[in-house]
N, C-alpha and C. Protein backbone atom coordinates (compact mmCIF):
# COMPACT_ATOMS: atom_id res chain seq x y z
N UNK A 1 30.93 216.51 127.59
CA UNK A 1 29.91 215.70 126.95
C UNK A 1 28.89 216.56 126.22
N UNK A 2 28.51 217.69 126.87
CA UNK A 2 27.57 218.60 126.23
C UNK A 2 28.15 219.17 124.95
N UNK A 3 29.46 219.46 124.98
CA UNK A 3 30.11 220.00 123.79
C UNK A 3 30.08 218.97 122.66
N UNK A 4 30.35 217.71 122.99
CA UNK A 4 30.31 216.66 121.98
C UNK A 4 28.91 216.49 121.40
N UNK A 5 27.91 216.56 122.27
CA UNK A 5 26.53 216.46 121.79
C UNK A 5 26.19 217.62 120.86
N UNK A 6 26.67 218.82 121.24
CA UNK A 6 26.42 220.00 120.42
C UNK A 6 27.08 219.86 119.05
N UNK A 7 28.34 219.40 119.05
CA UNK A 7 29.05 219.22 117.78
C UNK A 7 28.39 218.14 116.92
N UNK A 8 27.95 217.07 117.58
CA UNK A 8 27.28 216.00 116.85
C UNK A 8 25.98 216.49 116.22
N UNK A 9 25.23 217.26 117.00
CA UNK A 9 23.97 217.81 116.49
C UNK A 9 24.21 218.77 115.33
N UNK A 10 25.24 219.62 115.48
CA UNK A 10 25.55 220.58 114.42
C UNK A 10 25.99 219.86 113.15
N UNK A 11 26.81 218.81 113.31
CA UNK A 11 27.26 218.05 112.14
C UNK A 11 26.09 217.37 111.45
N UNK A 12 25.17 216.82 112.25
CA UNK A 12 23.99 216.17 111.68
C UNK A 12 23.14 217.16 110.90
N UNK A 13 22.95 218.36 111.48
CA UNK A 13 22.17 219.39 110.79
C UNK A 13 22.86 219.83 109.50
N UNK A 14 24.19 219.96 109.56
CA UNK A 14 24.94 220.39 108.37
C UNK A 14 24.81 219.37 107.25
N UNK A 15 24.91 218.09 107.60
CA UNK A 15 24.75 217.03 106.59
C UNK A 15 23.35 217.06 106.01
N UNK A 16 22.36 217.27 106.89
CA UNK A 16 20.98 217.34 106.41
C UNK A 16 20.76 218.48 105.44
N UNK A 17 21.30 219.65 105.78
CA UNK A 17 21.17 220.81 104.89
C UNK A 17 21.86 220.53 103.56
N UNK A 18 23.04 219.89 103.62
CA UNK A 18 23.77 219.57 102.40
C UNK A 18 22.96 218.62 101.51
N UNK A 19 22.33 217.62 102.13
CA UNK A 19 21.53 216.68 101.37
C UNK A 19 20.33 217.36 100.72
N UNK A 20 19.78 218.37 101.39
CA UNK A 20 18.65 219.11 100.83
C UNK A 20 19.10 219.91 99.61
N UNK A 21 20.28 220.51 99.69
CA UNK A 21 20.75 221.41 98.64
C UNK A 21 21.35 220.65 97.46
N UNK A 22 21.90 219.46 97.70
CA UNK A 22 22.61 218.72 96.65
C UNK A 22 21.78 218.52 95.38
N UNK A 23 20.50 218.11 95.46
CA UNK A 23 19.74 217.96 94.21
C UNK A 23 19.66 219.24 93.39
N UNK A 24 19.53 220.39 94.06
CA UNK A 24 19.45 221.66 93.35
C UNK A 24 20.79 222.00 92.69
N UNK A 25 21.89 221.78 93.40
CA UNK A 25 23.21 222.06 92.83
C UNK A 25 23.53 221.10 91.68
N UNK A 26 23.13 219.83 91.83
CA UNK A 26 23.35 218.86 90.75
C UNK A 26 22.59 219.29 89.49
N UNK A 27 21.39 219.78 89.68
CA UNK A 27 20.60 220.26 88.54
C UNK A 27 21.29 221.44 87.87
N UNK A 28 21.77 222.39 88.67
CA UNK A 28 22.49 223.54 88.11
C UNK A 28 23.73 223.11 87.33
N UNK A 29 24.48 222.19 87.91
CA UNK A 29 25.70 221.71 87.24
C UNK A 29 25.36 221.05 85.91
N UNK A 30 24.33 220.21 85.89
CA UNK A 30 23.97 219.51 84.67
C UNK A 30 23.48 220.47 83.60
N UNK A 31 22.55 221.35 83.94
CA UNK A 31 21.98 222.25 82.94
C UNK A 31 23.01 223.25 82.42
N UNK A 32 23.89 223.73 83.30
CA UNK A 32 24.94 224.63 82.83
C UNK A 32 25.91 223.91 81.90
N UNK A 33 26.17 222.63 82.18
CA UNK A 33 27.10 221.88 81.34
C UNK A 33 26.53 221.66 79.95
N UNK A 34 25.27 221.23 79.86
CA UNK A 34 24.70 220.96 78.53
C UNK A 34 24.49 222.26 77.75
N UNK A 35 24.16 223.35 78.44
CA UNK A 35 23.98 224.63 77.75
C UNK A 35 25.31 225.15 77.21
N UNK A 36 26.41 224.71 77.80
CA UNK A 36 27.75 225.13 77.38
C UNK A 36 28.18 224.45 76.08
N UNK A 37 27.49 223.38 75.69
CA UNK A 37 27.82 222.65 74.47
C UNK A 37 27.21 223.40 73.28
N UNK A 38 28.01 223.83 72.30
CA UNK A 38 27.50 224.66 71.20
C UNK A 38 26.36 224.01 70.42
N UNK A 39 26.38 222.69 70.26
CA UNK A 39 25.32 222.02 69.50
C UNK A 39 23.99 222.01 70.24
N UNK A 40 24.02 222.27 71.53
CA UNK A 40 22.78 222.27 72.34
C UNK A 40 22.37 223.70 72.66
N UNK A 41 23.13 224.38 73.48
CA UNK A 41 22.90 225.80 73.70
C UNK A 41 21.88 226.12 74.76
N UNK A 42 21.90 227.37 75.20
CA UNK A 42 21.03 227.82 76.29
C UNK A 42 19.57 227.82 75.88
N UNK A 43 19.26 228.24 74.65
CA UNK A 43 17.86 228.33 74.22
C UNK A 43 17.18 226.96 74.27
N UNK A 44 17.86 225.94 73.77
CA UNK A 44 17.26 224.61 73.76
C UNK A 44 17.15 224.07 75.18
N UNK A 45 18.15 224.33 76.00
CA UNK A 45 18.08 223.90 77.40
C UNK A 45 16.89 224.54 78.10
N UNK A 46 16.68 225.83 77.85
CA UNK A 46 15.57 226.53 78.49
C UNK A 46 14.22 225.96 78.06
N UNK A 47 14.10 225.61 76.79
CA UNK A 47 12.83 225.06 76.31
C UNK A 47 12.59 223.65 76.86
N UNK A 48 13.65 222.86 76.99
CA UNK A 48 13.50 221.56 77.63
C UNK A 48 13.11 221.72 79.09
N UNK A 49 13.67 222.74 79.75
CA UNK A 49 13.31 223.01 81.15
C UNK A 49 11.85 223.45 81.26
N UNK A 50 11.36 224.22 80.29
CA UNK A 50 9.95 224.62 80.29
C UNK A 50 9.05 223.39 80.16
N UNK A 51 9.42 222.48 79.27
CA UNK A 51 8.66 221.24 79.13
C UNK A 51 8.65 220.46 80.44
N UNK A 52 9.81 220.37 81.08
CA UNK A 52 9.88 219.68 82.37
C UNK A 52 9.08 220.38 83.44
N UNK A 53 9.08 221.71 83.42
CA UNK A 53 8.31 222.47 84.41
C UNK A 53 6.82 222.21 84.25
N UNK A 54 6.35 222.14 83.00
CA UNK A 54 4.94 221.82 82.76
C UNK A 54 4.60 220.44 83.33
N UNK A 55 5.48 219.49 83.10
CA UNK A 55 5.28 218.15 83.66
C UNK A 55 5.30 218.19 85.18
N UNK A 56 6.22 218.99 85.74
CA UNK A 56 6.32 219.10 87.19
C UNK A 56 5.06 219.69 87.81
N UNK A 57 4.48 220.70 87.16
CA UNK A 57 3.23 221.28 87.66
C UNK A 57 2.12 220.22 87.67
N UNK A 58 2.08 219.40 86.63
CA UNK A 58 1.10 218.32 86.59
C UNK A 58 1.33 217.32 87.73
N UNK A 59 2.59 217.01 88.01
CA UNK A 59 2.90 216.11 89.12
C UNK A 59 2.47 216.71 90.46
N UNK A 60 2.73 218.00 90.65
CA UNK A 60 2.32 218.66 91.89
C UNK A 60 0.80 218.62 92.03
N UNK A 61 0.09 218.80 90.91
CA UNK A 61 -1.37 218.86 90.95
C UNK A 61 -2.00 217.54 91.38
N UNK A 62 -1.36 216.42 91.06
CA UNK A 62 -1.97 215.12 91.37
C UNK A 62 -1.39 214.47 92.62
N UNK A 63 -0.34 215.03 93.18
CA UNK A 63 0.32 214.40 94.33
C UNK A 63 -0.33 214.85 95.63
N UNK A 64 -0.82 213.92 96.44
CA UNK A 64 -1.40 214.30 97.73
C UNK A 64 -0.31 214.78 98.70
N UNK A 65 -0.47 215.98 99.21
CA UNK A 65 0.49 216.56 100.14
C UNK A 65 -0.13 216.67 101.52
N UNK A 66 0.65 216.59 102.58
CA UNK A 66 0.11 216.72 103.94
C UNK A 66 -0.64 218.04 104.11
N UNK A 67 -1.78 217.96 104.79
CA UNK A 67 -2.52 219.18 105.12
C UNK A 67 -3.42 219.69 104.04
N UNK A 68 -3.61 218.92 102.96
CA UNK A 68 -4.50 219.40 101.91
C UNK A 68 -5.95 219.36 102.37
N UNK A 69 -6.77 220.37 101.98
CA UNK A 69 -6.40 221.55 101.21
C UNK A 69 -5.48 222.47 102.02
N UNK A 70 -4.42 222.94 101.39
CA UNK A 70 -3.41 223.73 102.09
C UNK A 70 -4.00 225.04 102.58
N UNK A 71 -3.62 225.41 103.79
CA UNK A 71 -4.05 226.68 104.38
C UNK A 71 -2.89 227.24 105.19
N UNK A 72 -3.03 228.47 105.64
CA UNK A 72 -1.99 229.09 106.46
C UNK A 72 -1.72 228.26 107.71
N UNK A 73 -2.80 227.81 108.36
CA UNK A 73 -2.65 227.03 109.60
C UNK A 73 -1.98 225.69 109.34
N UNK A 74 -2.38 225.01 108.28
CA UNK A 74 -1.81 223.68 108.03
C UNK A 74 -0.33 223.75 107.67
N UNK A 75 0.10 224.88 107.11
CA UNK A 75 1.51 225.01 106.73
C UNK A 75 2.37 225.49 107.89
N UNK A 76 1.90 226.49 108.65
CA UNK A 76 2.75 227.17 109.62
C UNK A 76 2.57 226.71 111.07
N UNK A 77 1.45 226.10 111.41
CA UNK A 77 1.20 225.80 112.82
C UNK A 77 2.15 224.75 113.37
N UNK A 78 2.56 224.96 114.62
CA UNK A 78 3.35 223.94 115.32
C UNK A 78 2.46 222.73 115.58
N UNK A 79 2.98 221.55 115.32
CA UNK A 79 2.20 220.34 115.47
C UNK A 79 1.34 220.02 114.26
N UNK A 80 1.41 220.86 113.22
CA UNK A 80 0.63 220.63 112.01
C UNK A 80 1.26 219.56 111.13
N UNK A 81 0.64 219.29 109.99
CA UNK A 81 1.13 218.21 109.12
C UNK A 81 2.52 218.46 108.54
N UNK A 82 2.95 219.73 108.49
CA UNK A 82 4.28 220.03 107.96
C UNK A 82 5.32 220.24 109.07
N UNK A 83 4.93 220.05 110.30
CA UNK A 83 5.86 220.17 111.42
C UNK A 83 6.53 218.81 111.64
N UNK A 84 7.45 218.47 110.76
CA UNK A 84 8.13 217.18 110.79
C UNK A 84 9.63 217.41 110.74
N UNK A 85 10.39 216.42 111.25
CA UNK A 85 11.84 216.58 111.25
C UNK A 85 12.41 216.22 109.88
N UNK A 86 13.72 216.34 109.76
CA UNK A 86 14.37 216.16 108.47
C UNK A 86 14.25 214.74 107.95
N UNK A 87 14.34 213.76 108.85
CA UNK A 87 14.21 212.37 108.42
C UNK A 87 12.81 212.09 107.87
N UNK A 88 11.80 212.61 108.57
CA UNK A 88 10.43 212.41 108.11
C UNK A 88 10.20 213.12 106.78
N UNK A 89 10.81 214.29 106.62
CA UNK A 89 10.68 215.00 105.34
C UNK A 89 11.32 214.19 104.21
N UNK A 90 12.49 213.61 104.47
CA UNK A 90 13.13 212.78 103.45
C UNK A 90 12.27 211.60 103.06
N UNK A 91 11.65 210.95 104.05
CA UNK A 91 10.75 209.83 103.75
C UNK A 91 9.55 210.29 102.93
N UNK A 92 9.01 211.47 103.29
CA UNK A 92 7.88 212.02 102.55
C UNK A 92 8.25 212.27 101.10
N UNK A 93 9.41 212.86 100.88
CA UNK A 93 9.85 213.16 99.51
C UNK A 93 10.00 211.88 98.70
N UNK A 94 10.66 210.88 99.25
CA UNK A 94 10.87 209.63 98.52
C UNK A 94 9.54 208.95 98.21
N UNK A 95 8.62 208.97 99.18
CA UNK A 95 7.32 208.34 98.97
C UNK A 95 6.53 209.03 97.87
N UNK A 96 6.49 210.36 97.92
CA UNK A 96 5.72 211.11 96.92
C UNK A 96 6.37 211.05 95.54
N UNK A 97 7.70 211.07 95.50
CA UNK A 97 8.39 210.97 94.21
C UNK A 97 8.09 209.64 93.52
N UNK A 98 8.04 208.57 94.30
CA UNK A 98 7.76 207.26 93.73
C UNK A 98 6.32 207.14 93.25
N UNK A 99 5.40 207.79 93.97
CA UNK A 99 3.98 207.65 93.64
C UNK A 99 3.51 208.61 92.56
N UNK A 100 4.17 209.77 92.41
CA UNK A 100 3.66 210.84 91.55
C UNK A 100 3.46 210.42 90.09
N UNK A 101 4.44 209.76 89.42
CA UNK A 101 4.22 209.39 88.01
C UNK A 101 3.03 208.46 87.82
N UNK A 102 2.85 207.50 88.73
CA UNK A 102 1.71 206.58 88.62
C UNK A 102 0.40 207.32 88.82
N UNK A 103 0.37 208.23 89.80
CA UNK A 103 -0.84 209.02 90.04
C UNK A 103 -1.19 209.88 88.83
N UNK A 104 -0.17 210.48 88.21
CA UNK A 104 -0.43 211.31 87.03
C UNK A 104 -0.97 210.46 85.88
N UNK A 105 -0.39 209.30 85.66
CA UNK A 105 -0.87 208.42 84.59
C UNK A 105 -2.31 207.99 84.84
N UNK A 106 -2.63 207.64 86.08
CA UNK A 106 -4.01 207.25 86.42
C UNK A 106 -4.98 208.39 86.17
N UNK A 107 -4.60 209.61 86.56
CA UNK A 107 -5.49 210.75 86.35
C UNK A 107 -5.69 211.03 84.86
N UNK A 108 -4.63 210.91 84.09
CA UNK A 108 -4.74 211.14 82.65
C UNK A 108 -5.69 210.14 82.00
N UNK A 109 -5.65 208.90 82.44
CA UNK A 109 -6.46 207.85 81.83
C UNK A 109 -7.89 207.85 82.35
N UNK A 110 -8.06 208.07 83.66
CA UNK A 110 -9.36 207.83 84.29
C UNK A 110 -10.13 209.08 84.69
N UNK A 111 -9.43 210.18 84.98
CA UNK A 111 -10.15 211.28 85.64
C UNK A 111 -9.58 212.64 85.25
N UNK A 112 -9.61 212.94 83.98
CA UNK A 112 -9.16 214.27 83.53
C UNK A 112 -10.21 214.85 82.58
N UNK A 113 -11.41 215.02 83.10
CA UNK A 113 -12.54 215.44 82.26
C UNK A 113 -12.31 216.81 81.64
N UNK A 114 -11.69 217.73 82.37
CA UNK A 114 -11.45 219.07 81.84
C UNK A 114 -10.20 219.15 80.98
N UNK A 115 -9.45 218.06 80.91
CA UNK A 115 -8.25 217.96 80.06
C UNK A 115 -7.13 218.92 80.46
N UNK A 116 -7.16 219.43 81.69
CA UNK A 116 -6.09 220.33 82.12
C UNK A 116 -4.74 219.62 82.14
N UNK A 117 -4.71 218.44 82.74
CA UNK A 117 -3.45 217.70 82.81
C UNK A 117 -3.03 217.21 81.43
N UNK A 118 -4.01 216.77 80.64
CA UNK A 118 -3.70 216.29 79.30
C UNK A 118 -3.06 217.38 78.45
N UNK A 119 -3.59 218.59 78.55
CA UNK A 119 -3.03 219.71 77.79
C UNK A 119 -1.61 220.04 78.24
N UNK A 120 -1.38 220.00 79.56
CA UNK A 120 -0.04 220.27 80.08
C UNK A 120 0.97 219.25 79.60
N UNK A 121 0.61 217.97 79.71
CA UNK A 121 1.52 216.90 79.27
C UNK A 121 1.71 216.95 77.76
N UNK A 122 0.63 217.22 77.02
CA UNK A 122 0.73 217.28 75.56
C UNK A 122 1.62 218.44 75.11
N UNK A 123 1.50 219.58 75.78
CA UNK A 123 2.35 220.73 75.43
C UNK A 123 3.81 220.42 75.68
N UNK A 124 4.09 219.77 76.82
CA UNK A 124 5.47 219.39 77.12
C UNK A 124 6.00 218.40 76.09
N UNK A 125 5.17 217.40 75.75
CA UNK A 125 5.59 216.41 74.77
C UNK A 125 5.81 217.01 73.40
N UNK A 126 4.92 217.93 72.99
CA UNK A 126 5.07 218.58 71.69
C UNK A 126 6.35 219.40 71.62
N UNK A 127 6.68 220.06 72.71
CA UNK A 127 7.91 220.85 72.75
C UNK A 127 9.14 219.97 72.58
N UNK A 128 9.15 218.83 73.27
CA UNK A 128 10.29 217.93 73.19
C UNK A 128 10.38 217.26 71.82
N UNK A 129 9.23 216.82 71.30
CA UNK A 129 9.23 216.15 69.99
C UNK A 129 9.64 217.12 68.89
N UNK A 130 9.14 218.35 68.96
CA UNK A 130 9.50 219.35 67.97
C UNK A 130 10.99 219.62 67.94
N UNK A 131 11.59 219.71 69.12
CA UNK A 131 13.04 219.94 69.18
C UNK A 131 13.81 218.71 68.69
N UNK A 132 13.29 217.53 68.98
CA UNK A 132 13.97 216.32 68.51
C UNK A 132 13.98 216.26 66.99
N UNK A 133 12.84 216.55 66.38
CA UNK A 133 12.77 216.55 64.91
C UNK A 133 13.69 217.61 64.32
N UNK A 134 13.65 218.81 64.90
CA UNK A 134 14.53 219.88 64.42
C UNK A 134 15.99 219.52 64.55
N UNK A 135 16.35 218.83 65.64
CA UNK A 135 17.73 218.42 65.83
C UNK A 135 18.20 217.45 64.76
N UNK A 136 17.34 216.48 64.40
CA UNK A 136 17.72 215.51 63.37
C UNK A 136 17.80 216.15 61.98
N UNK A 137 17.07 217.24 61.78
CA UNK A 137 17.11 217.90 60.48
C UNK A 137 18.36 218.76 60.29
N UNK A 138 18.90 219.30 61.38
CA UNK A 138 20.00 220.25 61.21
C UNK A 138 21.35 219.74 61.72
N UNK A 139 21.37 218.60 62.42
CA UNK A 139 22.61 218.08 62.99
C UNK A 139 22.92 216.69 62.45
N UNK A 140 24.18 216.29 62.58
CA UNK A 140 24.53 214.90 62.30
C UNK A 140 23.82 214.01 63.31
N UNK A 141 23.60 212.76 62.91
CA UNK A 141 22.72 211.92 63.71
C UNK A 141 23.25 211.68 65.12
N UNK A 142 24.57 211.58 65.28
CA UNK A 142 25.10 211.35 66.63
C UNK A 142 24.85 212.54 67.54
N UNK A 143 25.09 213.73 67.01
CA UNK A 143 24.81 214.93 67.80
C UNK A 143 23.32 215.07 68.05
N UNK A 144 22.52 214.73 67.05
CA UNK A 144 21.07 214.82 67.22
C UNK A 144 20.59 213.89 68.32
N UNK A 145 21.12 212.66 68.34
CA UNK A 145 20.75 211.72 69.41
C UNK A 145 21.17 212.26 70.77
N UNK A 146 22.39 212.83 70.83
CA UNK A 146 22.86 213.39 72.10
C UNK A 146 21.97 214.53 72.58
N UNK A 147 21.52 215.40 71.66
CA UNK A 147 20.65 216.50 72.07
C UNK A 147 19.30 215.99 72.56
N UNK A 148 18.79 214.94 71.93
CA UNK A 148 17.52 214.36 72.39
C UNK A 148 17.68 213.78 73.80
N UNK A 149 18.79 213.09 74.03
CA UNK A 149 19.05 212.55 75.37
C UNK A 149 19.14 213.68 76.39
N UNK A 150 19.85 214.76 76.04
CA UNK A 150 19.94 215.91 76.95
C UNK A 150 18.57 216.51 77.21
N UNK A 151 17.73 216.59 76.16
CA UNK A 151 16.37 217.10 76.35
C UNK A 151 15.62 216.29 77.39
N UNK A 152 15.70 214.97 77.26
CA UNK A 152 14.96 214.10 78.18
C UNK A 152 15.49 214.23 79.61
N UNK A 153 16.81 214.32 79.74
CA UNK A 153 17.40 214.43 81.08
C UNK A 153 17.01 215.75 81.73
N UNK A 154 17.15 216.85 80.99
CA UNK A 154 16.81 218.17 81.55
C UNK A 154 15.33 218.23 81.90
N UNK A 155 14.47 217.74 81.01
CA UNK A 155 13.03 217.78 81.27
C UNK A 155 12.66 216.92 82.47
N UNK A 156 13.22 215.71 82.55
CA UNK A 156 12.90 214.82 83.66
C UNK A 156 13.37 215.41 84.99
N UNK A 157 14.60 215.93 85.01
CA UNK A 157 15.11 216.51 86.26
C UNK A 157 14.33 217.76 86.66
N UNK A 158 13.92 218.56 85.68
CA UNK A 158 13.13 219.75 85.99
C UNK A 158 11.78 219.36 86.58
N UNK A 159 11.14 218.34 86.00
CA UNK A 159 9.85 217.88 86.52
C UNK A 159 9.98 217.37 87.96
N UNK A 160 11.00 216.55 88.19
CA UNK A 160 11.21 216.00 89.54
C UNK A 160 11.51 217.11 90.54
N UNK A 161 12.38 218.05 90.14
CA UNK A 161 12.75 219.12 91.07
C UNK A 161 11.63 220.12 91.28
N UNK A 162 10.70 220.25 90.34
CA UNK A 162 9.54 221.10 90.57
C UNK A 162 8.70 220.55 91.71
N UNK A 163 8.45 219.24 91.69
CA UNK A 163 7.72 218.61 92.79
C UNK A 163 8.52 218.70 94.08
N UNK A 164 9.81 218.45 94.00
CA UNK A 164 10.67 218.54 95.19
C UNK A 164 10.67 219.95 95.76
N UNK A 165 10.78 220.95 94.89
CA UNK A 165 10.81 222.34 95.36
C UNK A 165 9.50 222.74 96.02
N UNK A 166 8.38 222.23 95.51
CA UNK A 166 7.09 222.53 96.13
C UNK A 166 7.04 221.98 97.56
N UNK A 167 7.46 220.74 97.74
CA UNK A 167 7.46 220.15 99.08
C UNK A 167 8.49 220.82 99.98
N UNK A 168 9.67 221.10 99.43
CA UNK A 168 10.71 221.75 100.22
C UNK A 168 10.26 223.14 100.68
N UNK A 169 9.60 223.88 99.79
CA UNK A 169 9.13 225.21 100.16
C UNK A 169 8.11 225.17 101.29
N UNK A 170 7.16 224.24 101.22
CA UNK A 170 6.15 224.12 102.27
C UNK A 170 6.79 223.72 103.59
N UNK A 171 7.73 222.79 103.53
CA UNK A 171 8.39 222.33 104.76
C UNK A 171 9.23 223.45 105.38
N UNK A 172 9.96 224.19 104.55
CA UNK A 172 10.79 225.28 105.08
C UNK A 172 9.93 226.40 105.66
N UNK A 173 8.76 226.64 105.07
CA UNK A 173 7.86 227.65 105.64
C UNK A 173 7.48 227.28 107.07
N UNK A 174 7.25 225.99 107.31
CA UNK A 174 6.91 225.57 108.67
C UNK A 174 8.12 225.63 109.59
N UNK A 175 9.27 225.18 109.10
CA UNK A 175 10.45 225.12 109.96
C UNK A 175 11.01 226.50 110.27
N UNK A 176 10.95 227.40 109.30
CA UNK A 176 11.57 228.72 109.48
C UNK A 176 10.59 229.79 109.92
N UNK A 177 9.30 229.60 109.62
CA UNK A 177 8.28 230.61 109.92
C UNK A 177 8.70 231.97 109.35
N UNK A 178 8.73 233.02 110.18
CA UNK A 178 9.02 234.34 109.62
C UNK A 178 10.47 234.47 109.17
N UNK A 179 11.35 233.54 109.59
CA UNK A 179 12.74 233.58 109.12
C UNK A 179 12.84 233.27 107.63
N UNK A 180 11.75 232.77 107.03
CA UNK A 180 11.77 232.51 105.60
C UNK A 180 12.01 233.80 104.82
N UNK A 181 11.58 234.94 105.42
CA UNK A 181 11.82 236.23 104.75
C UNK A 181 13.31 236.55 104.72
N UNK A 182 14.05 236.15 105.78
CA UNK A 182 15.49 236.34 105.79
C UNK A 182 16.15 235.52 104.68
N UNK A 183 15.66 234.29 104.49
CA UNK A 183 16.19 233.46 103.41
C UNK A 183 15.96 234.13 102.06
N UNK A 184 14.77 234.73 101.90
CA UNK A 184 14.48 235.45 100.67
C UNK A 184 15.43 236.61 100.45
N UNK A 185 15.74 237.35 101.52
CA UNK A 185 16.68 238.48 101.41
C UNK A 185 18.06 237.98 101.03
N UNK A 186 18.49 236.87 101.64
CA UNK A 186 19.79 236.30 101.29
C UNK A 186 19.83 235.84 99.83
N UNK A 187 18.71 235.29 99.35
CA UNK A 187 18.66 234.88 97.95
C UNK A 187 18.79 236.08 97.01
N UNK A 188 18.14 237.19 97.38
CA UNK A 188 18.24 238.40 96.57
C UNK A 188 19.68 238.91 96.54
N UNK A 189 20.34 238.87 97.70
CA UNK A 189 21.73 239.32 97.75
C UNK A 189 22.64 238.41 96.93
N UNK A 190 22.36 237.11 96.95
CA UNK A 190 23.14 236.18 96.13
C UNK A 190 22.94 236.49 94.65
N UNK A 191 21.72 236.82 94.27
CA UNK A 191 21.46 237.16 92.87
C UNK A 191 22.21 238.43 92.46
N UNK A 192 22.28 239.39 93.38
CA UNK A 192 22.94 240.66 93.07
C UNK A 192 24.46 240.53 93.02
N UNK A 193 25.03 239.82 94.00
CA UNK A 193 26.48 239.83 94.17
C UNK A 193 27.17 238.53 93.74
N UNK A 194 26.39 237.46 93.50
CA UNK A 194 26.94 236.23 92.93
C UNK A 194 28.09 235.66 93.76
N UNK A 195 27.84 235.44 95.03
CA UNK A 195 28.88 234.88 95.89
C UNK A 195 29.12 233.41 95.59
N UNK A 196 28.06 232.66 95.29
CA UNK A 196 28.18 231.22 95.09
C UNK A 196 27.81 230.78 93.67
N UNK A 197 27.37 231.71 92.84
CA UNK A 197 27.01 231.36 91.47
C UNK A 197 25.77 230.50 91.36
N UNK A 198 24.77 230.74 92.21
CA UNK A 198 23.58 229.90 92.23
C UNK A 198 22.56 230.26 91.16
N UNK A 199 22.69 231.40 90.52
CA UNK A 199 21.69 231.84 89.56
C UNK A 199 22.25 231.76 88.14
N UNK A 200 21.36 231.53 87.14
CA UNK A 200 21.82 231.19 85.79
C UNK A 200 22.68 232.23 85.12
N UNK A 201 22.60 233.50 85.51
CA UNK A 201 23.36 234.51 84.78
C UNK A 201 24.87 234.38 85.01
N UNK A 202 25.27 233.59 86.00
CA UNK A 202 26.70 233.35 86.25
C UNK A 202 26.91 231.84 86.29
N UNK A 203 27.56 231.29 85.29
CA UNK A 203 27.71 229.84 85.22
C UNK A 203 28.99 229.41 85.92
N UNK A 204 28.86 229.01 87.14
CA UNK A 204 30.02 228.50 87.87
C UNK A 204 30.05 226.97 87.85
N UNK A 205 28.92 226.34 87.55
CA UNK A 205 28.82 224.89 87.66
C UNK A 205 28.67 224.30 86.27
N UNK A 206 29.75 223.82 85.68
CA UNK A 206 29.63 223.20 84.38
C UNK A 206 30.88 222.38 84.09
N UNK A 207 30.74 221.45 83.16
CA UNK A 207 31.89 220.70 82.68
C UNK A 207 32.71 221.57 81.73
N UNK A 208 34.02 221.37 81.68
CA UNK A 208 34.81 222.05 80.65
C UNK A 208 34.31 221.65 79.26
N UNK A 209 34.39 222.57 78.32
CA UNK A 209 33.84 222.32 76.99
C UNK A 209 34.48 221.11 76.32
N UNK A 210 35.76 220.85 76.58
CA UNK A 210 36.42 219.73 75.90
C UNK A 210 35.90 218.38 76.37
N UNK A 211 35.19 218.34 77.52
CA UNK A 211 34.62 217.09 78.01
C UNK A 211 33.24 216.81 77.43
N UNK A 212 32.65 217.77 76.74
CA UNK A 212 31.34 217.59 76.15
C UNK A 212 31.47 216.87 74.81
N UNK A 213 30.35 216.28 74.30
CA UNK A 213 30.41 215.57 73.01
C UNK A 213 30.91 216.49 71.90
N UNK A 214 31.71 215.94 71.02
CA UNK A 214 32.27 216.73 69.91
C UNK A 214 31.46 216.50 68.63
């Protein structure tokens, strides 16, 4: 019975870890696929990702997170606001993801006296609009529309994953404590030796070119 409980617990943890990683892998697969399309390319994908990252930073800035103002104790202490199990973390992510766009819009309209958020959103929008106009000037209209759609998808996913990564990082700091340094070492080794292709310099996750728009 103890063995069955152990296996059940291990399987549950494995599924939980997989669910945590899946959004990141899906993002890698999507961005690598669109960058592989000659009409889109890596440069445009990177600029759309920068626009999304700016939006994501704005979302992080307006989203209330447990333990704010964040401190060493609130992040790492046992029993603190980030000492929650995987189910509670999933609920937290879904709740904050749903609320973040509305909170950002409210702040932009009602409470952005220093215009920090406005400048961030405007810069992201200008980057996307500029690329959209450039695409319609140099490409056939169908390809231009496809590149605009890809821009929006990459930017939106980057913004969402920026907020997700911020929450995931804080939660993992609490769950792993000093073991977080081991995770960092493993990430460095993955970057050097490319065992799983998780970093952009090695594209393992992409659609075949013949499946992309022609």
